[in-house]
Amino acid sequence: MAEYPYHTPETAPEAARPMLEDAKRQYGMVPNLYAKMAEAPTLLEAYLQVSEIFARSSLTTTEQQVVLLAASRTNQCGYCMGAHSVLADMAEVPVEITDAIRNDRTIPDARQEALRRFTTQLVERRGWLDDAEVQAFLDAGFTRENLLDVIVGVGQKILSNYTNHIAGTELDSAFAHRRWNAPA
């Protein structure tokens, strides 16, 4: 497998440097995901843009984290599970929600469980859902706009989950307390 370096603002390709500098200013560090993505500045830019767009979606902050965690768990991405567990904690998403997703258990809140289940089905079935699966999501109180916004979140996670799988991204120490390992 090809090695992918952890770029810094000094070592990254020119087009990625401003994005890494912004991350360093914003977070006090360059997350390892960004450091790996910087090898392809267009990938890093796409990820950052899709992340910003998804943050403005019709889904609440908690719902966004459910989508991101459910997609990452389905894709078995340890990096994103650890990082988004911490981000969910920071956003005050109830720990019973994040822990249910992490442990592949039913979320106690029926609406959030419907979202977790829908996101998981969407990823597992690559978007080929039947009418009953879509209707179950809508019957849980979600809208068609919400449904399409879930696809934006899944797209965000495809960019990061697949990068982490190929590039072997290690979890940052800032997220280590929420490390997650994919089941065997």
Protein backbone atom coordinates (compact mmCIF):
# COMPACT_ATOMS: atom_id res chain seq x y z
CA MET A 1 0.00 0.00 0.00
CA ALA A 2 1.26 3.49 -0.82
CA GLU A 3 2.34 5.68 2.09
CA TYR A 4 0.47 8.92 2.63
CA PRO A 5 2.31 11.52 4.70
CA TYR A 6 0.87 13.64 7.47
CA HIS A 7 1.30 17.03 5.86
CA THR A 8 1.84 20.25 7.76
CA PRO A 9 1.20 23.75 6.41
CA GLU A 10 4.90 23.76 5.48
CA THR A 11 5.04 20.37 3.69
CA ALA A 12 1.65 20.29 1.99
CA PRO A 13 1.13 20.99 -1.69
CA GLU A 14 0.73 24.74 -2.20
CA ALA A 15 -3.05 24.61 -2.76
CA ALA A 16 -3.61 22.78 0.55
CA ARG A 17 -1.49 25.08 2.72
CA PRO A 18 -4.13 27.76 3.40
CA MET A 19 -6.66 25.09 4.43
CA LEU A 20 -4.20 23.51 6.87
CA GLU A 21 -3.25 26.93 8.24
CA ASP A 22 -6.95 27.70 8.78
CA ALA A 23 -7.42 24.39 10.60
CA LYS A 24 -4.41 25.09 12.80
CA ARG A 25 -5.77 28.55 13.68
CA GLN A 26 -9.29 27.24 14.27
CA TYR A 27 -8.48 24.07 16.25
CA GLY A 28 -4.96 24.71 17.54
CA MET A 29 -3.85 21.68 15.52
CA VAL A 30 -4.10 20.11 12.09
CA PRO A 31 -6.32 17.03 12.47
CA ASN A 32 -4.65 13.92 11.07
CA LEU A 33 -7.50 13.51 8.57
CA TYR A 34 -6.76 16.92 7.08
CA ALA A 35 -3.02 16.20 7.13
CA LYS A 36 -3.57 13.07 5.04
CA MET A 37 -6.16 14.65 2.72
CA ALA A 38 -3.75 17.50 1.98
CA GLU A 39 -1.87 15.21 -0.40
CA ALA A 40 -4.80 15.92 -2.78
CA PRO A 41 -5.84 19.54 -2.17
CA THR A 42 -9.09 19.03 -4.08
CA LEU A 43 -10.08 16.21 -1.71
CA LEU A 44 -9.40 18.36 1.34
CA GLU A 45 -11.32 21.26 -0.18
CA ALA A 46 -14.24 19.01 -1.13
CA TYR A 47 -14.39 17.54 2.39
CA LEU A 48 -14.31 20.96 4.04
CA GLN A 49 -16.96 22.36 1.69
CA VAL A 50 -19.31 19.40 2.06
CA SER A 51 -18.84 19.57 5.85
CA GLU A 52 -19.84 23.25 5.86
CA ILE A 53 -22.83 22.58 3.63
CA PHE A 54 -24.01 19.64 5.76
CA ALA A 55 -23.75 21.83 8.89
CA ARG A 56 -26.35 24.13 7.24
CA SER A 57 -28.70 21.29 6.34
CA SER A 58 -32.28 20.82 7.50
CA LEU A 59 -31.11 18.33 10.14
CA THR A 60 -30.45 19.38 13.73
CA THR A 61 -26.94 19.17 15.17
CA THR A 62 -27.85 15.92 16.94
CA GLU A 63 -29.34 14.48 13.76
CA GLN A 64 -26.24 15.45 11.81
CA GLN A 65 -24.05 13.60 14.29
CA VAL A 66 -26.33 10.54 14.13
CA VAL A 67 -25.88 10.48 10.34
CA LEU A 68 -22.11 10.96 10.51
CA LEU A 69 -21.66 8.33 13.21
CA ALA A 70 -24.04 5.80 11.63
CA ALA A 71 -22.35 6.12 8.24
CA SER A 72 -18.89 5.86 9.80
CA ARG A 73 -19.88 2.80 11.83
CA THR A 74 -21.37 1.10 8.78
CA ASN A 75 -18.16 1.88 6.86
CA GLN A 76 -16.13 0.68 9.89
CA CYS A 77 -14.04 3.84 10.10
CA GLY A 78 -12.32 3.93 13.48
CA TYR A 79 -10.92 7.41 12.92
CA CYS A 80 -14.28 9.02 12.18
CA MET A 81 -16.05 7.11 14.95
CA GLY A 82 -13.55 8.41 17.49
CA ALA A 83 -13.45 11.96 16.14
CA HIS A 84 -17.23 12.31 15.71
CA SER A 85 -17.90 10.80 19.13
CA VAL A 86 -15.86 13.66 20.60
CA LEU A 87 -17.52 16.24 18.33
CA ALA A 88 -20.94 14.87 19.32
CA ASP A 89 -19.96 15.15 23.00
CA MET A 90 -18.88 18.76 22.41
CA ALA A 91 -22.23 19.45 20.70
CA GLU A 92 -24.01 18.00 23.75
CA VAL A 93 -25.50 15.08 21.86
CA PRO A 94 -26.78 12.71 24.57
CA VAL A 95 -24.18 10.04 25.26
CA GLU A 96 -26.87 7.35 25.13
CA ILE A 97 -27.29 8.21 21.44
CA THR A 98 -23.59 8.11 20.55
CA ASP A 99 -22.96 5.00 22.64
CA ALA A 100 -25.91 3.20 21.04
CA ILE A 101 -24.47 3.87 17.59
CA ARG A 102 -20.95 2.93 18.67
CA ASN A 103 -22.20 -0.37 20.11
CA ASP A 104 -24.74 -1.12 17.35
CA ARG A 105 -27.67 -0.93 19.75
CA THR A 106 -31.09 0.65 19.36
CA ILE A 107 -31.18 4.35 20.20
CA PRO A 108 -33.79 4.91 22.97
CA ASP A 109 -35.27 7.91 21.12
CA ALA A 110 -37.50 6.49 18.33
CA ARG A 111 -36.91 9.39 15.92
CA GLN A 112 -33.12 9.19 16.24
CA GLU A 113 -33.30 5.41 15.90
CA ALA A 114 -35.25 5.79 12.65
CA LEU A 115 -32.52 8.14 11.40
CA ARG A 116 -29.74 5.74 12.45
CA ARG A 117 -31.50 2.82 10.78
CA PHE A 118 -32.22 4.80 7.59
CA THR A 119 -28.61 6.02 7.33
CA THR A 120 -27.28 2.50 7.88
CA GLN A 121 -29.61 1.08 5.22
CA LEU A 122 -28.65 3.86 2.81
CA VAL A 123 -24.94 3.09 3.17
CA GLU A 124 -25.31 -0.71 3.18
CA ARG A 125 -27.59 -0.71 0.15
CA ARG A 126 -25.75 2.10 -1.70
CA GLY A 127 -28.90 4.15 -1.98
CA TRP A 128 -31.12 1.37 -3.35
CA LEU A 129 -33.85 1.58 -0.72
CA ASP A 130 -37.33 0.24 -1.26
CA ASP A 131 -40.47 2.30 -0.79
CA ALA A 132 -41.19 0.80 2.65
CA GLU A 133 -37.75 1.85 3.99
CA VAL A 134 -38.21 5.38 2.70
CA GLN A 135 -41.77 5.52 4.08
CA ALA A 136 -40.60 4.32 7.52
CA PHE A 137 -38.16 7.25 7.59
CA LEU A 138 -40.87 9.72 6.59
CA ASP A 139 -43.33 8.18 9.08
CA ALA A 140 -40.81 8.89 11.85
CA GLY A 141 -41.42 12.60 11.22
CA PHE A 142 -38.69 13.36 8.72
CA THR A 143 -39.24 15.19 5.43
CA ARG A 144 -38.08 14.56 1.88
CA GLU A 145 -35.62 17.43 2.38
CA ASN A 146 -34.25 15.69 5.47
CA LEU A 147 -33.87 12.50 3.43
CA LEU A 148 -31.83 14.24 0.76
CA ASP A 149 -29.74 15.99 3.43
CA VAL A 150 -28.86 12.57 4.87
CA ILE A 151 -27.28 11.85 1.48
CA VAL A 152 -25.10 14.96 1.89
CA GLY A 153 -23.87 13.63 5.26
CA VAL A 154 -23.20 10.20 3.80
CA GLY A 155 -21.25 11.86 0.98
CA GLN A 156 -19.15 13.71 3.56
CA LYS A 157 -18.37 10.43 5.28
CA ILE A 158 -17.51 8.64 2.05
CA LEU A 159 -14.78 11.24 1.51
CA SER A 160 -13.32 10.82 4.99
CA ASN A 161 -14.01 7.12 5.68
CA TYR A 162 -12.48 5.99 2.41
CA THR A 163 -9.49 8.30 2.81
CA ASN A 164 -8.85 6.92 6.29
CA HIS A 165 -9.09 3.33 5.05
CA ILE A 166 -6.62 3.89 2.21
CA ALA A 167 -4.26 6.31 3.96
CA GLY A 168 -4.22 4.56 7.35
CA THR A 169 -5.03 7.71 9.33
CA GLU A 170 -4.26 7.41 13.03
CA LEU A 171 -6.66 8.91 15.55
CA ASP A 172 -5.46 12.22 16.96
CA SER A 173 -4.59 12.25 20.66
CA ALA A 174 -7.36 14.85 21.17
CA PHE A 175 -9.91 12.17 20.25
CA ALA A 176 -8.17 9.16 21.86
CA HIS A 177 -10.52 8.98 24.85
CA ARG A 178 -13.36 8.07 22.44
CA ARG A 179 -11.35 5.56 20.37
CA TRP A 180 -13.48 2.96 18.59
CA ASN A 181 -12.38 -0.26 16.96
CA ALA A 182 -14.44 -1.90 14.26
CA PRO A 183 -15.86 -5.29 15.24
CA ALA A 184 -14.01 -8.27 13.82
